[in-house]
Amino acid sequence: MIYTPSDGILYKDTDGSPYMDTWNYHSVIGKLNFSAQNTLLDISFSVHQHAHFCTCPTLLHEVAVKCTACYLLYTIDKGLILHPIKSFALDMYIDADFASIPL
């Protein structure tokens, strides 16, 4: 089981094997980035690390992206549950004395 979206900081892998898989690395990073910005804030750091290597991904970076994907599969049933309410009220508090600064 994978309990974290990444194992640590990714580094440039100049001596590693080239990226060999059939899926598009750029496209997957874009989809993960959209998810990280909108709903899945817990993967923001790992997606940021993956995005650094979009120009020249290696096998190490491919494995790291797959690790993040496995984390998402493991946590598919976790998240926030929002219950809508029928009555909507907006509470607003204003600093009426302008922070005690005389005008």
PDB file of N, CA and C in Angstrom:
ATOM      1  N   MET A   1       0.827  -1.175   0.000  1.00  0.00           N
ATOM      2  CA  MET A   1       0.000   0.000   0.000  1.00  0.00           C
ATOM      3  C   MET A   1       0.877   1.247   0.000  1.00  0.00           C
ATOM      4  N   ILE A   2       0.387   2.276  -0.646  1.00  0.00           N
ATOM      5  CA  ILE A   2       1.119   3.529  -0.741  1.00  0.00           C
ATOM      6  C   ILE A   2       0.396   4.568   0.107  1.00  0.00           C
ATOM      7  N   TYR A   3       1.091   5.108   1.098  1.00  0.00           N
ATOM      8  CA  TYR A   3       0.482   6.038   2.035  1.00  0.00           C
ATOM      9  C   TYR A   3       0.796   7.499   1.744  1.00  0.00           C
ATOM     10  N   THR A   4       1.744   7.765   0.860  1.00  0.00           N
ATOM     11  CA  THR A   4       2.091   9.140   0.499  1.00  0.00           C
ATOM     12  C   THR A   4       2.164   9.259  -1.021  1.00  0.00           C
ATOM     13  N   PRO A   5       1.880  10.458  -1.570  1.00  0.00           N
ATOM     14  CA  PRO A   5       1.922  10.611  -3.025  1.00  0.00           C
ATOM     15  C   PRO A   5       3.324  10.612  -3.619  1.00  0.00           C
ATOM     16  N   SER A   6       4.353  10.828  -2.798  1.00  0.00           N
ATOM     17  CA  SER A   6       5.721  10.778  -3.322  1.00  0.00           C
ATOM     18  C   SER A   6       6.668  10.318  -2.226  1.00  0.00           C
ATOM     19  N   ASP A   7       7.832   9.847  -2.650  1.00  0.00           N
ATOM     20  CA  ASP A   7       8.836   9.381  -1.697  1.00  0.00           C
ATOM     21  C   ASP A   7       9.809  10.471  -1.292  1.00  0.00           C
ATOM     22  N   GLY A   8       9.804  11.579  -1.999  1.00  0.00           N
ATOM     23  CA  GLY A   8      10.730  12.664  -1.688  1.00  0.00           C
ATOM     24  C   GLY A   8      10.921  13.557  -2.892  1.00  0.00           C
ATOM     25  N   ILE A   9      12.007  14.279  -2.882  1.00  0.00           N
ATOM     26  CA  ILE A   9      12.306  15.211  -3.961  1.00  0.00           C
ATOM     27  C   ILE A   9      12.887  14.453  -5.145  1.00  0.00           C
ATOM     28  N   LEU A  10      12.395  14.764  -6.336  1.00  0.00           N
ATOM     29  CA  LEU A  10      12.922  14.166  -7.556  1.00  0.00           C
ATOM     30  C   LEU A  10      14.110  14.986  -8.061  1.00  0.00           C
ATOM     31  N   TYR A  11      15.070  14.299  -8.628  1.00  0.00           N
ATOM     32  CA  TYR A  11      16.241  14.958  -9.180  1.00  0.00           C
ATOM     33  C   TYR A  11      16.401  14.591 -10.640  1.00  0.00           C
ATOM     34  N   LYS A  12      17.187  15.368 -11.335  1.00  0.00           N
ATOM     35  CA  LYS A  12      17.472  15.087 -12.732  1.00  0.00           C
ATOM     36  C   LYS A  12      18.253  13.792 -12.818  1.00  0.00           C
ATOM     37  N   ASP A  13      17.780  12.903 -13.661  1.00  0.00           N
ATOM     38  CA  ASP A  13      18.391  11.580 -13.796  1.00  0.00           C
ATOM     39  C   ASP A  13      19.089  11.510 -15.149  1.00  0.00           C
ATOM     40  N   THR A  14      20.324  12.004 -15.216  1.00  0.00           N
ATOM     41  CA  THR A  14      21.036  12.079 -16.491  1.00  0.00           C
ATOM     42  C   THR A  14      21.529  10.720 -16.969  1.00  0.00           C
ATOM     43  N   ASP A  15      21.830   9.810 -16.044  1.00  0.00           N
ATOM     44  CA  ASP A  15      22.358   8.502 -16.423  1.00  0.00           C
ATOM     45  C   ASP A  15      21.287   7.426 -16.477  1.00  0.00           C
ATOM     46  N   GLY A  16      20.040   7.780 -16.184  1.00  0.00           N
ATOM     47  CA  GLY A  16      18.970   6.801 -16.124  1.00  0.00           C
ATOM     48  C   GLY A  16      18.441   6.398 -17.490  1.00  0.00           C
ATOM     49  N   SER A  17      17.639   5.357 -17.485  1.00  0.00           N
ATOM     50  CA  SER A  17      17.009   4.888 -18.720  1.00  0.00           C
ATOM     51  C   SER A  17      15.988   5.909 -19.197  1.00  0.00           C
ATOM     52  N   PRO A  18      15.831   6.022 -20.506  1.00  0.00           N
ATOM     53  CA  PRO A  18      14.851   6.984 -21.013  1.00  0.00           C
ATOM     54  C   PRO A  18      13.418   6.519 -20.739  1.00  0.00           C
ATOM     55  N   TYR A  19      12.513   7.477 -20.797  1.00  0.00           N
ATOM     56  CA  TYR A  19      11.091   7.212 -20.612  1.00  0.00           C
ATOM     57  C   TYR A  19      10.620   6.291 -21.739  1.00  0.00           C
ATOM     58  N   MET A  20       9.999   5.168 -21.390  1.00  0.00           N
ATOM     59  CA  MET A  20       9.689   4.155 -22.400  1.00  0.00           C
ATOM     60  C   MET A  20       8.207   3.814 -22.517  1.00  0.00           C
ATOM     61  N   ASP A  21       7.358   4.275 -21.639  1.00  0.00           N
ATOM     62  CA  ASP A  21       5.969   3.840 -21.627  1.00  0.00           C
ATOM     63  C   ASP A  21       5.167   4.485 -22.753  1.00  0.00           C
ATOM     64  N   THR A  22       3.960   3.991 -22.972  1.00  0.00           N
ATOM     65  CA  THR A  22       3.152   4.454 -24.101  1.00  0.00           C
ATOM     66  C   THR A  22       2.271   5.658 -23.757  1.00  0.00           C
ATOM     67  N   TRP A  23       2.061   5.942 -22.482  1.00  0.00           N
ATOM     68  CA  TRP A  23       1.208   7.080 -22.123  1.00  0.00           C
ATOM     69  C   TRP A  23       2.001   8.381 -22.221  1.00  0.00           C
ATOM     70  N   ASN A  24       1.272   9.457 -22.464  1.00  0.00           N
ATOM     71  CA  ASN A  24       1.883  10.764 -22.675  1.00  0.00           C
ATOM     72  C   ASN A  24       2.180  11.415 -21.322  1.00  0.00           C
ATOM     73  N   TYR A  25       3.441  11.606 -21.011  1.00  0.00           N
ATOM     74  CA  TYR A  25       3.873  12.160 -19.727  1.00  0.00           C
ATOM     75  C   TYR A  25       3.292  13.560 -19.511  1.00  0.00           C
ATOM     76  N   HIS A  26       3.355  14.407 -20.546  1.00  0.00           N
ATOM     77  CA  HIS A  26       2.873  15.783 -20.429  1.00  0.00           C
ATOM     78  C   HIS A  26       1.382  15.817 -20.112  1.00  0.00           C
ATOM     79  N   SER A  27       0.612  14.984 -20.776  1.00  0.00           N
ATOM     80  CA  SER A  27      -0.829  14.950 -20.579  1.00  0.00           C
ATOM     81  C   SER A  27      -1.199  14.509 -19.164  1.00  0.00           C
ATOM     82  N   VAL A  28      -0.514  13.496 -18.661  1.00  0.00           N
ATOM     83  CA  VAL A  28      -0.790  13.004 -17.309  1.00  0.00           C
ATOM     84  C   VAL A  28      -0.434  14.067 -16.277  1.00  0.00           C
ATOM     85  N   ILE A  29       0.673  14.762 -16.472  1.00  0.00           N
ATOM     86  CA  ILE A  29       1.062  15.821 -15.542  1.00  0.00           C
ATOM     87  C   ILE A  29       0.035  16.948 -15.572  1.00  0.00           C
ATOM     88  N   GLY A  30      -0.464  17.284 -16.737  1.00  0.00           N
ATOM     89  CA  GLY A  30      -1.496  18.310 -16.841  1.00  0.00           C
ATOM     90  C   GLY A  30      -2.764  17.923 -16.107  1.00  0.00           C
ATOM     91  N   LYS A  31      -3.178  16.682 -16.238  1.00  0.00           N
ATOM     92  CA  LYS A  31      -4.378  16.215 -15.545  1.00  0.00           C
ATOM     93  C   LYS A  31      -4.166  16.169 -14.036  1.00  0.00           C
ATOM     94  N   LEU A  32      -2.994  15.725 -13.617  1.00  0.00           N
ATOM     95  CA  LEU A  32      -2.696  15.713 -12.188  1.00  0.00           C
ATOM     96  C   LEU A  32      -2.624  17.137 -11.635  1.00  0.00           C
ATOM     97  N   ASN A  33      -2.076  18.055 -12.411  1.00  0.00           N
ATOM     98  CA  ASN A  33      -1.982  19.445 -11.973  1.00  0.00           C
ATOM     99  C   ASN A  33      -3.369  20.056 -11.814  1.00  0.00           C
ATOM    100  N   PHE A  34      -4.265  19.779 -12.753  1.00  0.00           N
ATOM    101  CA  PHE A  34      -5.635  20.278 -12.642  1.00  0.00           C
ATOM    102  C   PHE A  34      -6.302  19.728 -11.380  1.00  0.00           C
ATOM    103  N   SER A  35      -6.114  18.446 -11.132  1.00  0.00           N
ATOM    104  CA  SER A  35      -6.696  17.830  -9.940  1.00  0.00           C
ATOM    105  C   SER A  35      -6.080  18.391  -8.666  1.00  0.00           C
ATOM    106  N   ALA A  36      -4.779  18.616  -8.685  1.00  0.00           N
ATOM    107  CA  ALA A  36      -4.102  19.138  -7.494  1.00  0.00           C
ATOM    108  C   ALA A  36      -4.552  20.560  -7.181  1.00  0.00           C
ATOM    109  N   GLN A  37      -4.807  21.354  -8.192  1.00  0.00           N
ATOM    110  CA  GLN A  37      -5.214  22.737  -7.975  1.00  0.00           C
ATOM    111  C   GLN A  37      -6.663  22.865  -7.537  1.00  0.00           C
ATOM    112  N   ASN A  38      -7.503  21.927  -7.941  1.00  0.00           N
ATOM    113  CA  ASN A  38      -8.930  22.077  -7.703  1.00  0.00           C
ATOM    114  C   ASN A  38      -9.497  21.187  -6.609  1.00  0.00           C
ATOM    115  N   THR A  39      -9.055  19.956  -6.522  1.00  0.00           N
ATOM    116  CA  THR A  39      -9.698  19.050  -5.566  1.00  0.00           C
ATOM    117  C   THR A  39      -8.725  18.289  -4.682  1.00  0.00           C
ATOM    118  N   LEU A  40      -7.589  17.910  -5.199  1.00  0.00           N
ATOM    119  CA  LEU A  40      -6.677  17.029  -4.477  1.00  0.00           C
ATOM    120  C   LEU A  40      -5.427  17.784  -4.040  1.00  0.00           C
ATOM    121  N   LEU A  41      -5.558  18.563  -2.992  1.00  0.00           N
ATOM    122  CA  LEU A  41      -4.436  19.393  -2.545  1.00  0.00           C
ATOM    123  C   LEU A  41      -3.290  18.579  -1.968  1.00  0.00           C
ATOM    124  N   ASP A  42      -3.551  17.345  -1.565  1.00  0.00           N
ATOM    125  CA  ASP A  42      -2.499  16.530  -0.954  1.00  0.00           C
ATOM    126  C   ASP A  42      -1.457  16.054  -1.956  1.00  0.00           C
ATOM    127  N   ILE A  43      -1.721  16.164  -3.249  1.00  0.00           N
ATOM    128  CA  ILE A  43      -0.730  15.732  -4.241  1.00  0.00           C
ATOM    129  C   ILE A  43      -0.003  16.910  -4.885  1.00  0.00           C
ATOM    130  N   SER A  44      -0.221  18.106  -4.386  1.00  0.00           N
ATOM    131  CA  SER A  44       0.371  19.305  -5.009  1.00  0.00           C
ATOM    132  C   SER A  44       1.891  19.245  -5.079  1.00  0.00           C
ATOM    133  N   PHE A  45       2.534  18.850  -3.990  1.00  0.00           N
ATOM    134  CA  PHE A  45       3.998  18.810  -3.977  1.00  0.00           C
ATOM    135  C   PHE A  45       4.537  17.797  -4.980  1.00  0.00           C
ATOM    136  N   SER A  46       3.963  16.611  -4.999  1.00  0.00           N
ATOM    137  CA  SER A  46       4.479  15.584  -5.907  1.00  0.00           C
ATOM    138  C   SER A  46       4.238  15.957  -7.370  1.00  0.00           C
ATOM    139  N   VAL A  47       3.091  16.555  -7.682  1.00  0.00           N
ATOM    140  CA  VAL A  47       2.831  16.977  -9.061  1.00  0.00           C
ATOM    141  C   VAL A  47       3.801  18.089  -9.457  1.00  0.00           C
ATOM    142  N   HIS A  48       4.104  18.980  -8.529  1.00  0.00           N
ATOM    143  CA  HIS A  48       5.084  20.032  -8.794  1.00  0.00           C
ATOM    144  C   HIS A  48       6.451  19.426  -9.103  1.00  0.00           C
ATOM    145  N   GLN A  49       6.817  18.396  -8.378  1.00  0.00           N
ATOM    146  CA  GLN A  49       8.089  17.718  -8.635  1.00  0.00           C
ATOM    147  C   GLN A  49       8.086  17.040 -10.004  1.00  0.00           C
ATOM    148  N   HIS A  50       6.979  16.410 -10.375  1.00  0.00           N
ATOM    149  CA  HIS A  50       6.885  15.738 -11.684  1.00  0.00           C
ATOM    150  C   HIS A  50       6.962  16.745 -12.832  1.00  0.00           C
ATOM    151  N   ALA A  51       6.343  17.911 -12.637  1.00  0.00           N
ATOM    152  CA  ALA A  51       6.284  18.904 -13.706  1.00  0.00           C
ATOM    153  C   ALA A  51       7.657  19.470 -14.061  1.00  0.00           C
ATOM    154  N   HIS A  52       8.607  19.398 -13.152  1.00  0.00           N
ATOM    155  CA  HIS A  52       9.960  19.891 -13.442  1.00  0.00           C
ATOM    156  C   HIS A  52      10.615  19.124 -14.586  1.00  0.00           C
ATOM    157  N   PHE A  53      10.197  17.902 -14.811  1.00  0.00           N
ATOM    158  CA  PHE A  53      10.893  17.035 -15.760  1.00  0.00           C
ATOM    159  C   PHE A  53      10.043  16.700 -16.979  1.00  0.00           C
ATOM    160  N   CYS A  54       9.143  17.609 -17.348  1.00  0.00           N
ATOM    161  CA  CYS A  54       8.308  17.385 -18.533  1.00  0.00           C
ATOM    162  C   CYS A  54       9.118  17.410 -19.824  1.00  0.00           C
ATOM    163  N   THR A  55      10.223  18.133 -19.843  1.00  0.00           N
ATOM    164  CA  THR A  55      11.002  18.239 -21.083  1.00  0.00           C
ATOM    165  C   THR A  55      11.812  16.975 -21.363  1.00  0.00           C
ATOM    166  N   CYS A  56      12.272  16.316 -20.316  1.00  0.00           N
ATOM    167  CA  CYS A  56      13.110  15.136 -20.524  1.00  0.00           C
ATOM    168  C   CYS A  56      12.865  14.111 -19.408  1.00  0.00           C
ATOM    169  N   PRO A  57      11.697  13.478 -19.389  1.00  0.00           N
ATOM    170  CA  PRO A  57      11.438  12.493 -18.333  1.00  0.00           C
ATOM    171  C   PRO A  57      12.234  11.213 -18.559  1.00  0.00           C
ATOM    172  N   THR A  58      12.620  10.581 -17.478  1.00  0.00           N
ATOM    173  CA  THR A  58      13.315   9.303 -17.552  1.00  0.00           C
ATOM    174  C   THR A  58      12.471   8.246 -16.857  1.00  0.00           C
ATOM    175  N   LEU A  59      13.002   7.048 -16.800  1.00  0.00           N
ATOM    176  CA  LEU A  59      12.297   5.941 -16.159  1.00  0.00           C
ATOM    177  C   LEU A  59      12.027   6.236 -14.683  1.00  0.00           C
ATOM    178  N   LEU A  60      12.953   6.916 -14.024  1.00  0.00           N
ATOM    179  CA  LEU A  60      12.767   7.302 -12.625  1.00  0.00           C
ATOM    180  C   LEU A  60      11.545   8.197 -12.453  1.00  0.00           C
ATOM    181  N   HIS A  61      11.357   9.153 -13.345  1.00  0.00           N
ATOM    182  CA  HIS A  61      10.220  10.067 -13.272  1.00  0.00           C
ATOM    183  C   HIS A  61       8.925   9.343 -13.625  1.00  0.00           C
ATOM    184  N   GLU A  62       8.997   8.414 -14.553  1.00  0.00           N
ATOM    185  CA  GLU A  62       7.830   7.603 -14.905  1.00  0.00           C
ATOM    186  C   GLU A  62       7.350   6.792 -13.700  1.00  0.00           C
ATOM    187  N   VAL A  63       8.278   6.199 -12.990  1.00  0.00           N
ATOM    188  CA  VAL A  63       7.931   5.411 -11.793  1.00  0.00           C
ATOM    189  C   VAL A  63       7.340   6.317 -10.719  1.00  0.00           C
ATOM    190  N   ALA A  64       7.855   7.537 -10.587  1.00  0.00           N
ATOM    191  CA  ALA A  64       7.335   8.471  -9.591  1.00  0.00           C
ATOM    192  C   ALA A  64       5.898   8.886  -9.908  1.00  0.00           C
ATOM    193  N   VAL A  65       5.588   9.102 -11.184  1.00  0.00           N
ATOM    194  CA  VAL A  65       4.222   9.440 -11.579  1.00  0.00           C
ATOM    195  C   VAL A  65       3.293   8.258 -11.306  1.00  0.00           C
ATOM    196  N   LYS A  66       3.764   7.061 -11.575  1.00  0.00           N
ATOM    197  CA  LYS A  66       2.949   5.875 -11.289  1.00  0.00           C
ATOM    198  C   LYS A  66       2.723   5.712  -9.788  1.00  0.00           C
ATOM    199  N   CYS A  67       3.692   6.104  -8.975  1.00  0.00           N
ATOM    200  CA  CYS A  67       3.545   6.061  -7.525  1.00  0.00           C
ATOM    201  C   CYS A  67       2.437   7.017  -7.077  1.00  0.00           C
ATOM    202  N   THR A  68       2.403   8.209  -7.666  1.00  0.00           N
ATOM    203  CA  THR A  68       1.345   9.173  -7.346  1.00  0.00           C
ATOM    204  C   THR A  68      -0.010   8.635  -7.789  1.00  0.00           C
ATOM    205  N   ALA A  69      -0.062   7.997  -8.948  1.00  0.00           N
ATOM    206  CA  ALA A  69      -1.321   7.414  -9.430  1.00  0.00           C
ATOM    207  C   ALA A  69      -1.794   6.285  -8.510  1.00  0.00           C
ATOM    208  N   CYS A  70      -0.878   5.485  -8.033  1.00  0.00           N
ATOM    209  CA  CYS A  70      -1.243   4.417  -7.082  1.00  0.00           C
ATOM    210  C   CYS A  70      -1.764   5.005  -5.778  1.00  0.00           C
ATOM    211  N   TYR A  71      -1.171   6.112  -5.340  1.00  0.00           N
ATOM    212  CA  TYR A  71      -1.668   6.786  -4.142  1.00  0.00           C
ATOM    213  C   TYR A  71      -3.109   7.247  -4.349  1.00  0.00           C
ATOM    214  N   LEU A  72      -3.394   7.789  -5.539  1.00  0.00           N
ATOM    215  CA  LEU A  72      -4.757   8.230  -5.834  1.00  0.00           C
ATOM    216  C   LEU A  72      -5.727   7.057  -5.846  1.00  0.00           C
ATOM    217  N   LEU A  73      -5.306   5.929  -6.377  1.00  0.00           N
ATOM    218  CA  LEU A  73      -6.165   4.738  -6.357  1.00  0.00           C
ATOM    219  C   LEU A  73      -6.394   4.240  -4.935  1.00  0.00           C
ATOM    220  N   TYR A  74      -5.369   4.334  -4.098  1.00  0.00           N
ATOM    221  CA  TYR A  74      -5.481   3.880  -2.712  1.00  0.00           C
ATOM    222  C   TYR A  74      -6.412   4.786  -1.904  1.00  0.00           C
ATOM    223  N   THR A  75      -6.430   6.066  -2.213  1.00  0.00           N
ATOM    224  CA  THR A  75      -7.232   7.021  -1.440  1.00  0.00           C
ATOM    225  C   THR A  75      -8.506   7.441  -2.166  1.00  0.00           C
ATOM    226  N   ILE A  76      -9.005   6.610  -3.048  1.00  0.00           N
ATOM    227  CA  ILE A  76     -10.179   6.975  -3.837  1.00  0.00           C
ATOM    228  C   ILE A  76     -11.427   7.164  -2.973  1.00  0.00           C
ATOM    229  N   ASP A  77     -11.483   6.495  -1.837  1.00  0.00           N
ATOM    230  CA  ASP A  77     -12.655   6.610  -0.966  1.00  0.00           C
ATOM    231  C   ASP A  77     -12.458   7.641   0.144  1.00  0.00           C
ATOM    232  N   LYS A  78     -11.361   8.366   0.118  1.00  0.00           N
ATOM    233  CA  LYS A  78     -11.097   9.399   1.122  1.00  0.00           C
ATOM    234  C   LYS A  78     -11.443  10.769   0.546  1.00  0.00           C
ATOM    235  N   GLY A  79     -11.766  11.701   1.415  1.00  0.00           N
ATOM    236  CA  GLY A  79     -12.023  13.052   0.939  1.00  0.00           C
ATOM    237  C   GLY A  79     -13.024  13.779   1.803  1.00  0.00           C
ATOM    238  N   LEU A  80     -13.398  14.949   1.347  1.00  0.00           N
ATOM    239  CA  LEU A  80     -14.371  15.774   2.046  1.00  0.00           C
ATOM    240  C   LEU A  80     -15.773  15.440   1.563  1.00  0.00           C
ATOM    241  N   ILE A  81     -16.692  15.406   2.487  1.00  0.00           N
ATOM    242  CA  ILE A  81     -18.096  15.204   2.139  1.00  0.00           C
ATOM    243  C   ILE A  81     -18.827  16.490   2.498  1.00  0.00           C
ATOM    244  N   LEU A  82     -19.355  17.143   1.504  1.00  0.00           N
ATOM    245  CA  LEU A  82     -20.061  18.397   1.708  1.00  0.00           C
ATOM    246  C   LEU A  82     -21.553  18.149   1.582  1.00  0.00           C
ATOM    247  N   HIS A  83     -22.290  18.559   2.575  1.00  0.00           N
ATOM    248  CA  HIS A  83     -23.745  18.417   2.558  1.00  0.00           C
ATOM    249  C   HIS A  83     -24.355  19.789   2.295  1.00  0.00           C
ATOM    250  N   PRO A  84     -25.100  19.931   1.207  1.00  0.00           N
ATOM    251  CA  PRO A  84     -25.712  21.236   0.934  1.00  0.00           C
ATOM    252  C   PRO A  84     -26.830  21.537   1.935  1.00  0.00           C
ATOM    253  N   ILE A  85     -27.007  22.813   2.213  1.00  0.00           N
ATOM    254  CA  ILE A  85     -28.084  23.231   3.098  1.00  0.00           C
ATOM    255  C   ILE A  85     -29.063  24.084   2.293  1.00  0.00           C
ATOM    256  N   LYS A  86     -30.330  24.055   2.697  1.00  0.00           N
ATOM    257  CA  LYS A  86     -31.342  24.785   1.934  1.00  0.00           C
ATOM    258  C   LYS A  86     -31.346  26.268   2.273  1.00  0.00           C
ATOM    259  N   SER A  87     -31.081  26.605   3.517  1.00  0.00           N
ATOM    260  CA  SER A  87     -31.068  28.021   3.880  1.00  0.00           C
ATOM    261  C   SER A  87     -29.620  28.527   3.839  1.00  0.00           C
ATOM    262  N   PHE A  88     -29.431  29.579   3.097  1.00  0.00           N
ATOM    263  CA  PHE A  88     -28.097  30.139   2.946  1.00  0.00           C
ATOM    264  C   PHE A  88     -28.059  31.489   3.641  1.00  0.00           C
ATOM    265  N   ALA A  89     -27.114  31.664   4.539  1.00  0.00           N
ATOM    266  CA  ALA A  89     -26.961  32.931   5.237  1.00  0.00           C
ATOM    267  C   ALA A  89     -25.492  33.333   5.178  1.00  0.00           C
ATOM    268  N   LEU A  90     -25.266  34.592   4.969  1.00  0.00           N
ATOM    269  CA  LEU A  90     -23.908  35.119   4.895  1.00  0.00           C
ATOM    270  C   LEU A  90     -23.666  36.007   6.104  1.00  0.00           C
ATOM    271  N   ASP A  91     -22.723  35.629   6.926  1.00  0.00           N
ATOM    272  CA  ASP A  91     -22.356  36.432   8.083  1.00  0.00           C
ATOM    273  C   ASP A  91     -21.150  37.284   7.717  1.00  0.00           C
ATOM    274  N   MET A  92     -21.233  38.579   8.019  1.00  0.00           N
ATOM    275  CA  MET A  92     -20.151  39.475   7.661  1.00  0.00           C
ATOM    276  C   MET A  92     -19.827  40.359   8.860  1.00  0.00           C
ATOM    277  N   TYR A  93     -18.556  40.504   9.140  1.00  0.00           N
ATOM    278  CA  TYR A  93     -18.100  41.342  10.238  1.00  0.00           C
ATOM    279  C   TYR A  93     -17.149  42.392   9.674  1.00  0.00           C
ATOM    280  N   ILE A  94     -17.401  43.644  10.004  1.00  0.00           N
ATOM    281  CA  ILE A  94     -16.615  44.739   9.473  1.00  0.00           C
ATOM    282  C   ILE A  94     -15.954  45.494  10.599  1.00  0.00           C
ATOM    283  N   ASP A  95     -14.715  45.876  10.387  1.00  0.00           N
ATOM    284  CA  ASP A  95     -14.002  46.687  11.359  1.00  0.00           C
ATOM    285  C   ASP A  95     -14.457  48.127  11.195  1.00  0.00           C
ATOM    286  N   ALA A  96     -15.475  48.510  11.948  1.00  0.00           N
ATOM    287  CA  ALA A  96     -16.109  49.813  11.750  1.00  0.00           C
ATOM    288  C   ALA A  96     -15.254  50.979  12.224  1.00  0.00           C
ATOM    289  N   ASP A  97     -14.321  50.744  13.120  1.00  0.00           N
ATOM    290  CA  ASP A  97     -13.508  51.864  13.602  1.00  0.00           C
ATOM    291  C   ASP A  97     -12.185  51.993  12.846  1.00  0.00           C
ATOM    292  N   PHE A  98     -12.027  51.289  11.766  1.00  0.00           N
ATOM    293  CA  PHE A  98     -10.843  51.368  10.912  1.00  0.00           C
ATOM    294  C   PHE A  98      -9.559  51.195  11.705  1.00  0.00           C
ATOM    295  N   ALA A  99      -9.523  50.142  12.518  1.00  0.00           N
ATOM    296  CA  ALA A  99      -8.355  49.781  13.312  1.00  0.00           C
ATOM    297  C   ALA A  99      -7.947  50.890  14.271  1.00  0.00           C
ATOM    298  N   SER A 100      -8.911  51.610  14.777  1.00  0.00           N
ATOM    299  CA  SER A 100      -8.702  52.685  15.769  1.00  0.00           C
ATOM    300  C   SER A 100      -7.837  53.833  15.244  1.00  0.00           C
ATOM    301  N   ILE A 101      -7.834  54.027  13.969  1.00  0.00           N
ATOM    302  CA  ILE A 101      -7.073  55.136  13.367  1.00  0.00           C
ATOM    303  C   ILE A 101      -8.022  56.318  13.217  1.00  0.00           C
ATOM    304  N   PRO A 102      -7.711  57.452  13.843  1.00  0.00           N
ATOM    305  CA  PRO A 102      -8.605  58.624  13.705  1.00  0.00           C
ATOM    306  C   PRO A 102      -8.528  59.180  12.291  1.00  0.00           C
ATOM    307  N   LEU A 103      -9.674  59.545  11.765  1.00  0.00           N
ATOM    308  CA  LEU A 103      -9.707  60.102  10.404  1.00  0.00           C
ATOM    309  C   LEU A 103      -9.750  61.594  10.425  1.00  0.00           C
TER     310      LEU A 103
END
